Amino acid sequence: MAPRPQVPPEVEEYRDQRWRREGTRQVETALDAERFVEQVGFAACLTDSRRPGPSLYVAVCGRRDAVLPRNVQKDPEASLTWVLKDEVIARGKVYYAKLGRGKATFVAPRMVPFFKAVWGMRRAEEHTRLSTSAQAVLRVLRREWEMATSDLRDASGVRDRASFTRAMDELQAAMLVVPSAVLYQPKFTYIWSLGIGRFPDALVRRVRREAAVREIARCFLTGAGLTIPGELARVTGLSRPEAGRGNRALVAEGYATMLAPGTYQLVTGTSDAP
């Protein structure tokens, strides 16, 4: 069995700087978090060093080897990440939802059209691609625009908790619905809104899928410096063949070089490449 490709030390140092894995640049406030997402283009919320890609939790920790403890409720760094996530959602400056493979993801507004081109769906496709429960929830939100979880369950008729959760995951993955606030009093609940209500221009912009995949690959490579086989697919939820096509498109335009099959490096002199 061939050994798994490793990221070179100089590339890890480049990622430390770009992904705020340094104690001097760690994220401490909601404004810091928004600037971090804008810089990296997209980031996971609560992944740690065991998963590739930029992560708000790792940026809060400010170190490369951050690992989520088993009891996250008592961990100050995990707790701060959760608080910042709630604040960022309420501020509405960056996109947040469960996207590819159900992973909670922040997306900078400039990247929303590209994510929508890959994971979104047109209104004409909804009746064939969405479950009955998801369609019922979406009808209510299009009438009311925003609603708390319990009220939305009642109004849509999707009262079974598991069915409702699956419906919301579907709608988030299709970039139709987003959480717009988190309330803890008098009881914990999310407020759900239509994504287009928060990001109307970005979500109506039409982009060809192949162009979107290329720009997602560009965004990741700019922050990563180098990508090893399967890394882009694992971070974004793209299929490996499609991720490969995105990286090869960057090679074709001179933005990246292919060092080996599946390994692509940012061209020297591009965005302070390593």
Protein backbone atom coordinates (compact mmCIF):
# COMPACT_ATOMS: atom_id res chain seq x y z
CA MET A 1 0.00 0.00 0.00
CA ALA A 2 1.46 3.35 -1.07
CA PRO A 3 2.11 5.86 1.75
CA ARG A 4 -0.36 8.72 1.99
CA PRO A 5 1.07 11.96 0.52
CA GLN A 6 2.19 14.45 3.16
CA VAL A 7 2.05 18.23 3.08
CA PRO A 8 5.61 19.67 3.08
CA PRO A 9 6.68 21.70 6.16
CA GLU A 10 6.99 24.96 4.21
CA VAL A 11 3.43 24.54 2.94
CA GLU A 12 2.18 23.88 6.48
CA GLU A 13 3.82 27.15 7.55
CA TYR A 14 2.09 28.93 4.66
CA ARG A 15 -1.24 27.45 5.79
CA ASP A 16 -0.54 28.53 9.36
CA GLN A 17 -0.45 32.12 8.17
CA ARG A 18 -3.36 31.92 5.74
CA TRP A 19 -5.67 29.87 7.97
CA ARG A 20 -4.77 31.73 11.21
CA ARG A 21 -3.18 28.72 12.86
CA GLU A 22 -0.87 31.09 14.77
CA GLY A 23 -1.27 32.40 18.30
CA THR A 24 -0.62 35.98 17.19
CA ARG A 25 -3.46 35.93 14.64
CA GLN A 26 -6.14 33.83 16.29
CA VAL A 27 -9.82 34.76 15.95
CA GLU A 28 -11.34 36.35 19.06
CA THR A 29 -14.39 38.34 17.93
CA ALA A 30 -17.24 38.06 15.44
CA LEU A 31 -15.55 40.72 13.31
CA ASP A 32 -12.35 38.65 13.33
CA ALA A 33 -14.40 35.62 12.26
CA GLU A 34 -16.00 37.51 9.36
CA ARG A 35 -12.62 38.78 8.19
CA PHE A 36 -11.22 35.26 8.43
CA VAL A 37 -14.02 33.84 6.27
CA GLU A 38 -13.64 36.64 3.75
CA GLN A 39 -9.91 35.95 3.52
CA VAL A 40 -10.14 32.17 3.09
CA GLY A 41 -13.38 32.22 1.04
CA PHE A 42 -15.01 29.35 2.91
CA ALA A 43 -14.35 27.53 6.18
CA ALA A 44 -15.74 24.78 8.33
CA CYS A 45 -17.14 25.68 11.73
CA LEU A 46 -16.09 23.05 14.27
CA THR A 47 -13.59 20.78 12.51
CA ASP A 48 -10.13 20.32 13.99
CA SER A 49 -6.64 19.36 12.84
CA ARG A 50 -7.84 15.88 11.89
CA ARG A 51 -9.75 17.35 8.95
CA PRO A 52 -8.08 19.36 6.16
CA GLY A 53 -9.05 22.91 5.28
CA PRO A 54 -9.64 26.20 7.09
CA SER A 55 -11.71 25.97 10.27
CA LEU A 56 -13.12 28.61 12.59
CA TYR A 57 -12.39 26.41 15.60
CA VAL A 58 -8.73 26.00 14.62
CA ALA A 59 -8.48 29.76 13.99
CA VAL A 60 -9.93 30.43 17.45
CA CYS A 61 -7.33 28.08 18.95
CA GLY A 62 -4.56 29.69 16.90
CA ARG A 63 -2.54 26.50 16.54
CA ARG A 64 -2.04 23.84 13.91
CA ASP A 65 -2.58 20.81 16.17
CA ALA A 66 -5.93 21.83 17.70
CA VAL A 67 -8.15 18.84 18.54
CA LEU A 68 -11.72 19.04 19.80
CA PRO A 69 -12.08 17.46 23.25
CA ARG A 70 -14.77 14.89 23.93
CA ASN A 71 -16.63 17.26 26.24
CA VAL A 72 -16.86 20.36 24.07
CA GLN A 73 -19.32 22.07 26.43
CA LYS A 74 -16.57 22.59 29.01
CA ASP A 75 -13.84 23.55 26.54
CA PRO A 76 -13.32 27.36 26.41
CA GLU A 77 -12.10 27.37 22.80
CA ALA A 78 -14.99 25.25 21.54
CA SER A 79 -17.41 27.38 23.55
CA LEU A 80 -16.01 30.60 22.09
CA THR A 81 -16.28 29.14 18.58
CA TRP A 82 -19.94 28.33 19.25
CA VAL A 83 -20.61 31.85 20.56
CA LEU A 84 -18.88 33.44 17.57
CA LYS A 85 -20.86 31.21 15.21
CA ASP A 86 -24.12 32.47 16.76
CA GLU A 87 -22.97 36.08 16.52
CA VAL A 88 -21.88 35.72 12.90
CA ILE A 89 -25.23 34.16 12.00
CA ALA A 90 -27.09 37.06 13.62
CA ARG A 91 -24.93 39.68 11.88
CA GLY A 92 -25.67 38.14 8.48
CA LYS A 93 -22.47 39.32 6.78
CA VAL A 94 -21.30 35.84 5.68
CA TYR A 95 -23.27 32.82 4.52
CA TYR A 96 -23.66 29.95 7.00
CA ALA A 97 -25.45 26.63 6.54
CA LYS A 98 -24.95 22.88 6.40
CA LEU A 99 -23.71 22.44 2.84
CA GLY A 100 -21.78 19.63 1.13
CA ARG A 101 -22.05 16.33 3.03
CA GLY A 102 -24.00 18.08 5.80
CA LYS A 103 -20.96 20.00 7.08
CA ALA A 104 -21.59 23.35 8.77
CA THR A 105 -19.79 25.85 6.54
CA PHE A 106 -19.16 29.59 6.37
CA VAL A 107 -18.99 31.07 2.87
CA ALA A 108 -17.80 34.56 1.98
CA PRO A 109 -20.37 36.49 -0.10
CA ARG A 110 -18.00 36.55 -3.10
CA MET A 111 -18.00 32.74 -3.14
CA VAL A 112 -21.76 32.20 -2.73
CA PRO A 113 -22.57 32.24 -6.49
CA PHE A 114 -20.01 29.48 -7.09
CA PHE A 115 -21.29 27.28 -4.27
CA LYS A 116 -24.86 27.87 -5.49
CA ALA A 117 -23.90 26.80 -9.02
CA VAL A 118 -22.62 23.47 -7.67
CA TRP A 119 -25.01 22.66 -4.81
CA GLY A 120 -28.08 24.81 -5.42
CA MET A 121 -31.16 23.93 -7.41
CA ARG A 122 -33.56 25.81 -9.64
CA ARG A 123 -37.15 26.28 -8.57
CA ALA A 124 -38.35 24.04 -11.40
CA GLU A 125 -36.31 21.16 -9.94
CA GLU A 126 -37.63 21.41 -6.40
CA HIS A 127 -40.66 19.15 -6.83
CA THR A 128 -38.49 16.28 -8.10
CA ARG A 129 -35.35 16.73 -5.97
CA LEU A 130 -36.77 17.77 -2.59
CA SER A 131 -38.63 15.45 -0.24
CA THR A 132 -42.28 16.08 0.52
CA SER A 133 -41.35 17.34 3.99
CA ALA A 134 -38.75 19.76 2.63
CA GLN A 135 -41.24 21.12 0.12
CA ALA A 136 -43.81 21.65 2.89
CA VAL A 137 -41.32 23.59 5.01
CA LEU A 138 -40.20 25.66 2.02
CA ARG A 139 -43.78 26.64 1.16
CA VAL A 140 -44.27 28.02 4.66
CA LEU A 141 -41.00 29.97 4.64
CA ARG A 142 -41.78 31.49 1.26
CA ARG A 143 -45.00 32.76 2.77
CA GLU A 144 -43.63 33.90 6.14
CA TRP A 145 -39.93 34.59 5.29
CA GLU A 146 -38.69 33.62 8.75
CA MET A 147 -39.90 31.42 11.58
CA ALA A 148 -38.68 29.66 14.71
CA THR A 149 -38.19 25.89 14.64
CA SER A 150 -41.24 24.88 16.68
CA ASP A 151 -43.57 27.25 14.81
CA LEU A 152 -42.21 26.07 11.48
CA ARG A 153 -42.76 22.45 12.40
CA ASP A 154 -46.38 23.18 13.30
CA ALA A 155 -47.09 25.37 10.27
CA SER A 156 -45.56 22.91 7.81
CA GLY A 157 -47.15 19.83 9.36
CA VAL A 158 -43.72 18.18 9.66
CA ARG A 159 -43.98 17.55 13.40
CA ASP A 160 -41.73 14.51 13.62
CA ARG A 161 -38.38 15.82 14.85
CA ALA A 162 -36.21 13.52 12.73
CA SER A 163 -38.21 14.23 9.57
CA PHE A 164 -38.02 17.97 10.18
CA THR A 165 -34.25 17.81 10.75
CA ARG A 166 -33.77 15.93 7.49
CA ALA A 167 -35.94 18.46 5.68
CA MET A 168 -33.91 21.38 7.03
CA ASP A 169 -30.67 19.65 6.07
CA GLU A 170 -32.01 19.21 2.53
CA LEU A 171 -33.01 22.86 2.27
CA GLN A 172 -29.69 24.07 3.62
CA ALA A 173 -27.72 21.80 1.29
CA ALA A 174 -29.71 23.18 -1.66
CA MET A 175 -28.88 26.73 -0.50
CA LEU A 176 -32.54 27.62 -0.11
CA VAL A 177 -32.79 28.11 3.65
CA VAL A 178 -30.35 29.41 6.29
CA PRO A 179 -30.43 29.91 10.05
CA SER A 180 -30.67 33.65 10.67
CA ALA A 181 -30.56 33.74 14.47
CA VAL A 182 -30.08 31.50 17.49
CA LEU A 183 -32.16 32.15 20.61
CA TYR A 184 -31.57 30.64 24.05
CA GLN A 185 -34.43 32.27 25.99
CA PRO A 186 -37.13 31.35 26.85
CA LYS A 187 -35.93 28.16 25.15
CA PHE A 188 -33.28 27.21 22.63
CA THR A 189 -34.37 27.59 19.01
CA TYR A 190 -33.11 28.55 15.59
CA ILE A 191 -34.82 31.20 13.50
CA TRP A 192 -34.95 30.03 9.87
CA SER A 193 -35.00 32.32 6.84
CA LEU A 194 -34.83 32.11 3.07
CA GLY A 195 -31.25 32.38 1.88
CA ILE A 196 -32.25 34.72 -0.92
CA GLY A 197 -33.58 37.16 1.65
CA ARG A 198 -30.07 37.64 3.03
CA PHE A 199 -27.97 37.25 -0.10
CA PRO A 200 -30.27 38.17 -3.00
CA ASP A 201 -27.64 39.29 -5.51
CA ALA A 202 -25.26 36.39 -4.87
CA LEU A 203 -27.95 33.72 -5.04
CA VAL A 204 -29.54 34.89 -8.29
CA ARG A 205 -26.26 35.28 -10.16
CA ARG A 206 -25.88 32.58 -12.83
CA VAL A 207 -22.52 30.82 -13.10
CA ARG A 208 -21.63 27.79 -15.22
CA ARG A 209 -20.85 24.75 -13.12
CA GLU A 210 -17.38 24.20 -14.58
CA ALA A 211 -16.48 27.85 -13.89
CA ALA A 212 -17.80 27.52 -10.34
CA VAL A 213 -15.73 24.39 -9.67
CA ARG A 214 -12.64 26.15 -11.00
CA GLU A 215 -13.19 29.15 -8.71
CA ILE A 216 -13.78 26.93 -5.67
CA ALA A 217 -10.54 25.11 -6.50
CA ARG A 218 -8.77 28.46 -6.91
CA CYS A 219 -10.07 29.67 -3.56
CA PHE A 220 -8.85 26.57 -1.74
CA LEU A 221 -5.46 26.47 -3.45
CA THR A 222 -4.86 30.15 -2.72
CA GLY A 223 -5.20 29.44 0.99
CA ALA A 224 -3.62 25.99 1.01
CA GLY A 225 -0.61 26.68 -1.21
CA LEU A 226 -0.63 23.06 -2.33
CA THR A 227 -3.29 20.37 -2.48
CA ILE A 228 -2.63 16.63 -2.25
CA PRO A 229 -4.77 13.85 -3.78
CA GLY A 230 -8.35 13.88 -2.53
CA GLU A 231 -7.89 16.96 -0.33
CA LEU A 232 -10.05 19.42 -2.29
CA ALA A 233 -12.85 16.84 -2.56
CA ARG A 234 -12.69 16.10 1.16
CA VAL A 235 -12.78 19.77 2.14
CA THR A 236 -15.56 20.89 -0.21
CA GLY A 237 -17.72 17.83 -0.82
CA LEU A 238 -16.99 17.83 -4.55
CA SER A 239 -16.44 14.45 -6.19
CA ARG A 240 -12.79 13.62 -6.75
CA PRO A 241 -13.14 13.66 -10.57
CA GLU A 242 -14.79 17.09 -10.49
CA ALA A 243 -12.23 18.43 -8.00
CA GLY A 244 -9.51 17.19 -10.36
CA ARG A 245 -11.09 19.01 -13.29
CA GLY A 246 -11.15 22.20 -11.25
CA ASN A 247 -7.46 21.91 -10.38
CA ARG A 248 -6.49 21.08 -13.96
CA ALA A 249 -8.36 24.19 -15.13
CA LEU A 250 -6.06 26.21 -12.86
CA VAL A 251 -3.04 24.52 -14.44
CA ALA A 252 -4.35 25.38 -17.90
CA GLU A 253 -4.49 29.08 -17.06
CA GLY A 254 -1.08 29.10 -15.35
CA TYR A 255 -2.37 29.60 -11.81
CA ALA A 256 -1.14 26.20 -10.60
CA THR A 257 1.35 23.52 -11.53
CA MET A 258 0.80 19.76 -11.29
CA LEU A 259 3.67 18.20 -9.33
CA ALA A 260 2.24 14.66 -9.56
CA PRO A 261 -1.16 13.12 -10.30
CA GLY A 262 -3.57 14.75 -7.83
CA THR A 263 -0.95 17.13 -6.39
CA TYR A 264 -1.20 20.76 -7.43
CA GLN A 265 0.82 23.74 -6.24
CA LEU A 266 0.14 27.45 -6.43
CA VAL A 267 2.47 29.07 -8.96
CA THR A 268 5.35 30.93 -7.31
CA GLY A 269 4.63 34.63 -7.08
CA THR A 270 0.85 34.11 -6.96
CA SER A 271 -0.72 35.34 -3.70
CA ASP A 272 2.60 34.88 -1.84
CA ALA A 273 2.76 31.20 -2.81
CA PRO A 274 5.02 29.02 -0.66
